[in-house]
């Protein structure tokens, strides 16, 4: 019997992290296509325009689209965009944002905090906000 890492590596699917798996074939194909020639940087290229237009079409709204390196960056920056420095985010004590993001949300929050609450099966009851606040 192999080690835990060897066993996990042999599985066809695993959901450990978006940082621990290869790129999906379709994304790689488009990256290879985009890697030819020179184009303007910082989102001023046809590929970024196509991608952002696709998101606007998909969500049926004219919106700004911001690309992030990974899920931790996306989660942290999204919450930071919603919060002022004096705001807090109430989450379950075992919520992904608390247990798996290594402090990144509070780093990006500019002073906002995660307020941890308990609840059965990872669920919060609406009354918890009165206890925390």
C-alpha atoms as a PDB file:
ATOM      1  CA  UNK A   1       0.000   0.000   0.000  1.00  0.00           C
ATOM      2  CA  UNK A   2       1.359   3.439  -0.948  1.00  0.00           C
ATOM      3  CA  UNK A   3       1.586   6.613   1.067  1.00  0.00           C
ATOM      4  CA  UNK A   4      -1.401   8.925   1.389  1.00  0.00           C
ATOM      5  CA  UNK A   5       0.090  11.267  -1.236  1.00  0.00           C
ATOM      6  CA  UNK A   6       0.665   8.387  -3.679  1.00  0.00           C
ATOM      7  CA  UNK A   7      -2.889   7.154  -3.196  1.00  0.00           C
ATOM      8  CA  UNK A   8      -4.347  10.640  -3.689  1.00  0.00           C
ATOM      9  CA  UNK A   9      -2.215  11.158  -6.801  1.00  0.00           C
ATOM     10  CA  UNK A  10      -3.534   7.955  -8.307  1.00  0.00           C
ATOM     11  CA  UNK A  11      -7.175   9.005  -7.984  1.00  0.00           C
ATOM     12  CA  UNK A  12      -8.762  10.316 -11.165  1.00  0.00           C
ATOM     13  CA  UNK A  13     -10.344  13.287  -9.394  1.00  0.00           C
ATOM     14  CA  UNK A  14      -9.507  15.117  -6.215  1.00  0.00           C
ATOM     15  CA  UNK A  15     -10.626  18.448  -4.863  1.00  0.00           C
ATOM     16  CA  UNK A  16      -7.714  19.478  -2.641  1.00  0.00           C
ATOM     17  CA  UNK A  17      -6.961  22.830  -4.254  1.00  0.00           C
ATOM     18  CA  UNK A  18      -6.976  24.687  -7.534  1.00  0.00           C
ATOM     19  CA  UNK A  19      -3.229  25.073  -6.957  1.00  0.00           C
ATOM     20  CA  UNK A  20      -2.479  21.349  -6.980  1.00  0.00           C
ATOM     21  CA  UNK A  21      -3.817  20.207 -10.323  1.00  0.00           C
ATOM     22  CA  UNK A  22      -2.985  20.754 -13.953  1.00  0.00           C
ATOM     23  CA  UNK A  23      -4.785  23.119 -16.262  1.00  0.00           C
ATOM     24  CA  UNK A  24      -7.879  21.849 -18.065  1.00  0.00           C
ATOM     25  CA  UNK A  25      -7.173  20.972 -21.709  1.00  0.00           C
ATOM     26  CA  UNK A  26      -9.539  23.606 -23.136  1.00  0.00           C
ATOM     27  CA  UNK A  27      -7.908  26.422 -21.158  1.00  0.00           C
ATOM     28  CA  UNK A  28      -4.453  25.218 -22.130  1.00  0.00           C
ATOM     29  CA  UNK A  29      -5.460  25.168 -25.797  1.00  0.00           C
ATOM     30  CA  UNK A  30      -6.581  28.810 -25.627  1.00  0.00           C
ATOM     31  CA  UNK A  31      -3.452  29.841 -23.724  1.00  0.00           C
ATOM     32  CA  UNK A  32      -1.315  28.273 -26.449  1.00  0.00           C
ATOM     33  CA  UNK A  33      -3.303  30.155 -29.108  1.00  0.00           C
ATOM     34  CA  UNK A  34      -2.931  33.417 -27.180  1.00  0.00           C
ATOM     35  CA  UNK A  35       0.810  32.900 -26.767  1.00  0.00           C
ATOM     36  CA  UNK A  36       1.591  33.808 -30.397  1.00  0.00           C
ATOM     37  CA  UNK A  37       2.776  37.269 -31.353  1.00  0.00           C
ATOM     38  CA  UNK A  38       2.635  40.417 -29.275  1.00  0.00           C
ATOM     39  CA  UNK A  39      -0.395  42.133 -27.822  1.00  0.00           C
ATOM     40  CA  UNK A  40      -0.932  45.009 -25.373  1.00  0.00           C
ATOM     41  CA  UNK A  41      -0.587  44.112 -21.702  1.00  0.00           C
ATOM     42  CA  UNK A  42      -2.818  44.579 -18.648  1.00  0.00           C
ATOM     43  CA  UNK A  43      -6.096  43.511 -20.208  1.00  0.00           C
ATOM     44  CA  UNK A  44      -5.925  45.607 -23.358  1.00  0.00           C
ATOM     45  CA  UNK A  45      -5.782  42.582 -25.670  1.00  0.00           C
ATOM     46  CA  UNK A  46      -8.363  40.757 -27.766  1.00  0.00           C
ATOM     47  CA  UNK A  47      -8.285  37.644 -25.531  1.00  0.00           C
ATOM     48  CA  UNK A  48      -9.193  39.568 -22.391  1.00  0.00           C
ATOM     49  CA  UNK A  49     -11.907  41.401 -24.325  1.00  0.00           C
ATOM     50  CA  UNK A  50     -13.363  38.102 -25.579  1.00  0.00           C
ATOM     51  CA  UNK A  51     -13.321  36.602 -22.075  1.00  0.00           C
ATOM     52  CA  UNK A  52     -14.915  39.622 -20.396  1.00  0.00           C
ATOM     53  CA  UNK A  53     -17.567  39.869 -23.106  1.00  0.00           C
ATOM     54  CA  UNK A  54     -18.361  36.195 -22.546  1.00  0.00           C
ATOM     55  CA  UNK A  55     -18.918  36.800 -18.808  1.00  0.00           C
ATOM     56  CA  UNK A  56     -21.208  39.759 -19.560  1.00  0.00           C
ATOM     57  CA  UNK A  57     -23.191  37.601 -21.976  1.00  0.00           C
ATOM     58  CA  UNK A  58     -23.316  34.667 -19.566  1.00  0.00           C
ATOM     59  CA  UNK A  59     -24.562  36.787 -16.631  1.00  0.00           C
ATOM     60  CA  UNK A  60     -26.698  39.014 -18.867  1.00  0.00           C
ATOM     61  CA  UNK A  61     -25.339  42.240 -17.383  1.00  0.00           C
ATOM     62  CA  UNK A  62     -22.810  44.904 -18.292  1.00  0.00           C
ATOM     63  CA  UNK A  63     -20.258  44.415 -15.524  1.00  0.00           C
ATOM     64  CA  UNK A  64     -16.576  44.741 -14.770  1.00  0.00           C
ATOM     65  CA  UNK A  65     -14.608  41.488 -14.812  1.00  0.00           C
ATOM     66  CA  UNK A  66     -11.472  41.001 -12.748  1.00  0.00           C
ATOM     67  CA  UNK A  67      -9.300  37.935 -13.165  1.00  0.00           C
ATOM     68  CA  UNK A  68      -7.569  36.432 -10.149  1.00  0.00           C
ATOM     69  CA  UNK A  69      -4.704  33.974  -9.891  1.00  0.00           C
ATOM     70  CA  UNK A  70      -6.543  31.461  -7.711  1.00  0.00           C
ATOM     71  CA  UNK A  71      -9.563  30.876  -5.506  1.00  0.00           C
ATOM     72  CA  UNK A  72      -7.962  32.402  -2.421  1.00  0.00           C
ATOM     73  CA  UNK A  73      -7.316  35.649  -4.274  1.00  0.00           C
ATOM     74  CA  UNK A  74     -10.813  35.639  -5.774  1.00  0.00           C
ATOM     75  CA  UNK A  75     -12.508  34.992  -2.413  1.00  0.00           C
ATOM     76  CA  UNK A  76     -10.408  37.540  -0.529  1.00  0.00           C
ATOM     77  CA  UNK A  77     -10.676  40.320  -3.102  1.00  0.00           C
ATOM     78  CA  UNK A  78     -14.418  39.770  -3.542  1.00  0.00           C
ATOM     79  CA  UNK A  79     -15.059  40.143   0.175  1.00  0.00           C
ATOM     80  CA  UNK A  80     -12.708  43.127   0.368  1.00  0.00           C
ATOM     81  CA  UNK A  81     -14.657  44.837  -2.425  1.00  0.00           C
ATOM     82  CA  UNK A  82     -17.869  44.423  -0.422  1.00  0.00           C
ATOM     83  CA  UNK A  83     -16.537  45.629   2.944  1.00  0.00           C
ATOM     84  CA  UNK A  84     -15.497  48.930   4.419  1.00  0.00           C
ATOM     85  CA  UNK A  85     -12.689  48.820   7.001  1.00  0.00           C
ATOM     86  CA  UNK A  86     -15.225  48.902   9.849  1.00  0.00           C
ATOM     87  CA  UNK A  87     -17.309  45.984   8.482  1.00  0.00           C
ATOM     88  CA  UNK A  88     -17.101  42.310   9.422  1.00  0.00           C
ATOM     89  CA  UNK A  89     -18.076  39.078   7.713  1.00  0.00           C
ATOM     90  CA  UNK A  90     -19.928  36.551   9.851  1.00  0.00           C
ATOM     91  CA  UNK A  91     -19.097  32.969   8.948  1.00  0.00           C
ATOM     92  CA  UNK A  92     -19.210  29.537  10.505  1.00  0.00           C
ATOM     93  CA  UNK A  93     -16.099  28.550  12.455  1.00  0.00           C
ATOM     94  CA  UNK A  94     -15.453  25.776   9.930  1.00  0.00           C
ATOM     95  CA  UNK A  95     -16.175  27.888   6.825  1.00  0.00           C
ATOM     96  CA  UNK A  96     -13.725  27.552   3.950  1.00  0.00           C
ATOM     97  CA  UNK A  97     -12.917  31.265   4.126  1.00  0.00           C
ATOM     98  CA  UNK A  98     -11.735  30.754   7.723  1.00  0.00           C
ATOM     99  CA  UNK A  99     -10.082  27.340   7.616  1.00  0.00           C
ATOM    100  CA  UNK A 100      -8.453  27.198   4.177  1.00  0.00           C
ATOM    101  CA  UNK A 101      -7.488  30.709   3.101  1.00  0.00           C
ATOM    102  CA  UNK A 102      -4.512  31.131   5.483  1.00  0.00           C
ATOM    103  CA  UNK A 103      -5.484  34.594   6.709  1.00  0.00           C
ATOM    104  CA  UNK A 104      -5.709  36.056   3.199  1.00  0.00           C
ATOM    105  CA  UNK A 105      -9.230  37.508   3.606  1.00  0.00           C
ATOM    106  CA  UNK A 106      -8.329  39.626   6.622  1.00  0.00           C
ATOM    107  CA  UNK A 107      -5.074  40.657   4.936  1.00  0.00           C
ATOM    108  CA  UNK A 108      -7.024  41.942   1.917  1.00  0.00           C
ATOM    109  CA  UNK A 109      -9.892  43.402   3.995  1.00  0.00           C
ATOM    110  CA  UNK A 110      -8.071  46.592   5.025  1.00  0.00           C
ATOM    111  CA  UNK A 111      -9.249  46.201   8.604  1.00  0.00           C
ATOM    112  CA  UNK A 112     -12.394  44.115   8.250  1.00  0.00           C
ATOM    113  CA  UNK A 113     -12.588  40.939  10.305  1.00  0.00           C
ATOM    114  CA  UNK A 114     -14.088  37.500  10.057  1.00  0.00           C
ATOM    115  CA  UNK A 115     -16.448  36.900  12.970  1.00  0.00           C
ATOM    116  CA  UNK A 116     -16.695  33.188  13.713  1.00  0.00           C
ATOM    117  CA  UNK A 117     -19.870  31.554  14.896  1.00  0.00           C
ATOM    118  CA  UNK A 118     -20.922  28.035  15.762  1.00  0.00           C
ATOM    119  CA  UNK A 119     -23.825  26.137  14.321  1.00  0.00           C
ATOM    120  CA  UNK A 120     -25.020  22.605  13.790  1.00  0.00           C
ATOM    121  CA  UNK A 121     -23.665  20.936  10.620  1.00  0.00           C
ATOM    122  CA  UNK A 122     -21.822  24.065   9.546  1.00  0.00           C
ATOM    123  CA  UNK A 123     -25.011  26.115   9.346  1.00  0.00           C
ATOM    124  CA  UNK A 124     -25.620  29.502  10.939  1.00  0.00           C
ATOM    125  CA  UNK A 125     -28.938  30.586  12.397  1.00  0.00           C
ATOM    126  CA  UNK A 126     -30.061  34.172  11.851  1.00  0.00           C
ATOM    127  CA  UNK A 127     -30.049  34.803  15.615  1.00  0.00           C
ATOM    128  CA  UNK A 128     -26.253  34.397  15.693  1.00  0.00           C
ATOM    129  CA  UNK A 129     -25.822  37.942  14.369  1.00  0.00           C
ATOM    130  CA  UNK A 130     -27.279  39.349  17.591  1.00  0.00           C
ATOM    131  CA  UNK A 131     -24.817  37.363  19.698  1.00  0.00           C
ATOM    132  CA  UNK A 132     -21.833  38.483  17.627  1.00  0.00           C
ATOM    133  CA  UNK A 133     -22.827  42.095  17.220  1.00  0.00           C
END
